[in-house]
Amino acid sequence: MSGAEKSFATRTPPEPVTLTDENFDEFVSNNRLAVVDFWAEWCAPCRMIAPIVKELAKDYAGRIAFGKLNVDENPMTAAKFGIMSIPTLIVFKDGQPVDMIVGAVPKRQIEVRLNRHL
């Protein structure tokens, strides 16, 4: 396990972790609560929500781990979860998906959904 992989196994960093098809399963299973932002470079709404996801990672540091997965570079994971629209945020609890937020939604709306799982 590399140093980066160990880091998300032991703490929830104050910044989203870059995820790949290779490290995705470990990330969600090693964090009690995790949020994964499925996005792509060409997606304007993804660029709109990116700063919000970064803020949420800081706000929830120590409680929720945040990751970002580029769907163009990591198609297997995107297909596994049936990602048809981006941005899509999936909330994982104990390694299982428990909530999905599709589209560029306001920060407060995401917070309300996240707080349900704390």
Protein backbone atom coordinates (compact mmCIF):
# COMPACT_ATOMS: atom_id res chain seq x y z
CA MET A 1 0.00 0.00 0.00
CA SER A 2 1.44 3.40 -0.94
CA GLY A 3 1.60 6.34 1.43
CA ALA A 4 -1.35 8.03 -0.27
CA GLU A 5 -3.47 4.91 0.09
CA LYS A 6 -2.52 4.56 3.76
CA SER A 7 -3.54 8.17 4.38
CA PHE A 8 -7.19 7.58 3.55
CA ALA A 9 -7.20 4.37 5.57
CA THR A 10 -6.36 6.22 8.77
CA ARG A 11 -7.93 9.68 8.56
CA THR A 12 -10.34 11.82 6.59
CA PRO A 13 -8.22 14.47 4.86
CA PRO A 14 -9.41 18.10 4.58
CA GLU A 15 -9.20 17.87 0.79
CA PRO A 16 -10.77 15.48 -1.74
CA VAL A 17 -8.58 12.48 -2.59
CA THR A 18 -8.03 11.65 -6.27
CA LEU A 19 -9.54 8.23 -6.87
CA THR A 20 -9.00 5.69 -9.64
CA ASP A 21 -10.50 2.36 -10.63
CA GLU A 22 -7.60 0.81 -8.71
CA ASN A 23 -7.96 2.56 -5.33
CA PHE A 24 -11.70 3.26 -5.24
CA ASP A 25 -12.85 0.15 -3.34
CA GLU A 26 -10.17 0.58 -0.70
CA PHE A 27 -11.11 4.23 -0.20
CA VAL A 28 -14.81 3.60 0.38
CA SER A 29 -14.27 0.50 2.52
CA ASN A 30 -11.61 2.13 4.74
CA ASN A 31 -13.75 5.14 5.63
CA ARG A 32 -16.92 4.81 7.70
CA LEU A 33 -18.43 7.69 5.72
CA ALA A 34 -17.17 8.70 2.28
CA VAL A 35 -18.48 10.92 -0.49
CA VAL A 36 -17.27 10.40 -4.04
CA ASP A 37 -17.66 13.12 -6.67
CA PHE A 38 -17.96 11.55 -10.14
CA TRP A 39 -16.88 14.22 -12.63
CA ALA A 40 -15.13 14.96 -15.96
CA GLU A 41 -12.87 17.77 -17.23
CA TRP A 42 -15.30 18.85 -19.97
CA CYS A 43 -18.30 19.09 -17.62
CA ALA A 44 -19.21 22.70 -16.77
CA PRO A 45 -21.54 21.79 -13.85
CA CYS A 46 -18.70 19.63 -12.47
CA ARG A 47 -16.44 22.69 -12.46
CA MET A 48 -19.20 24.64 -10.67
CA ILE A 49 -19.52 22.08 -7.87
CA ALA A 50 -15.77 21.37 -7.47
CA PRO A 51 -15.13 24.31 -5.08
CA ILE A 52 -18.17 23.27 -3.03
CA VAL A 53 -16.85 19.71 -2.71
CA LYS A 54 -13.48 21.13 -1.64
CA GLU A 55 -15.18 23.32 1.01
CA LEU A 56 -17.23 20.37 2.27
CA ALA A 57 -14.08 18.26 2.60
CA LYS A 58 -12.66 20.95 4.91
CA ASP A 59 -15.94 21.41 6.79
CA TYR A 60 -16.37 17.67 7.41
CA ALA A 61 -12.67 16.77 7.89
CA GLY A 62 -12.37 14.04 10.48
CA ARG A 63 -15.98 12.92 9.92
CA ILE A 64 -16.42 12.29 6.19
CA ALA A 65 -13.76 11.43 3.61
CA PHE A 66 -14.17 13.02 0.18
CA GLY A 67 -12.87 11.65 -3.09
CA LYS A 68 -13.05 12.68 -6.74
CA LEU A 69 -13.21 10.18 -9.59
CA ASN A 70 -12.78 11.30 -13.21
CA VAL A 71 -15.30 9.17 -15.14
CA ASP A 72 -13.42 9.48 -18.44
CA GLU A 73 -10.19 8.14 -16.93
CA ASN A 74 -11.91 5.53 -14.71
CA PRO A 75 -14.84 4.09 -16.67
CA MET A 76 -15.06 0.78 -14.77
CA THR A 77 -16.03 2.39 -11.47
CA ALA A 78 -18.42 4.83 -13.14
CA ALA A 79 -20.12 1.91 -14.92
CA LYS A 80 -20.25 -0.15 -11.72
CA PHE A 81 -22.42 2.53 -10.10
CA GLY A 82 -24.47 3.32 -13.22
CA ILE A 83 -23.28 6.91 -13.49
CA MET A 84 -25.30 8.41 -16.34
CA SER A 85 -25.11 12.12 -15.43
CA ILE A 86 -22.34 14.17 -13.90
CA PRO A 87 -21.63 15.59 -11.50
CA THR A 88 -22.91 12.81 -9.26
CA LEU A 89 -22.05 12.55 -5.58
CA ILE A 90 -22.47 9.16 -3.95
CA VAL A 91 -22.41 8.85 -0.17
CA PHE A 92 -20.96 5.58 1.12
CA LYS A 93 -21.48 4.32 4.65
CA ASP A 94 -19.42 1.32 5.77
CA GLY A 95 -18.49 0.70 2.14
CA GLN A 96 -22.07 0.67 0.81
CA PRO A 97 -23.78 3.41 -1.24
CA VAL A 98 -26.53 5.00 0.85
CA ASP A 99 -27.32 8.24 -1.00
CA MET A 100 -26.85 9.83 -4.42
CA ILE A 101 -26.96 13.51 -5.36
CA VAL A 102 -27.08 14.25 -9.09
CA GLY A 103 -26.31 17.64 -10.59
CA ALA A 104 -24.72 20.86 -9.42
CA VAL A 105 -26.79 21.51 -6.30
CA PRO A 106 -26.28 24.21 -3.64
CA LYS A 107 -23.87 23.53 -0.78
CA ARG A 108 -26.64 23.73 1.81
CA GLN A 109 -28.65 21.03 0.05
CA ILE A 110 -25.62 18.71 0.09
CA GLU A 111 -24.99 19.47 3.78
CA VAL A 112 -28.56 18.51 4.69
CA ARG A 113 -28.15 15.18 2.91
CA LEU A 114 -24.73 14.51 4.48
CA ASN A 115 -25.91 15.35 7.98
CA ARG A 116 -28.52 12.59 7.73
CA HIS A 117 -25.70 10.05 7.64
CA LEU A 118 -23.57 11.37 10.50
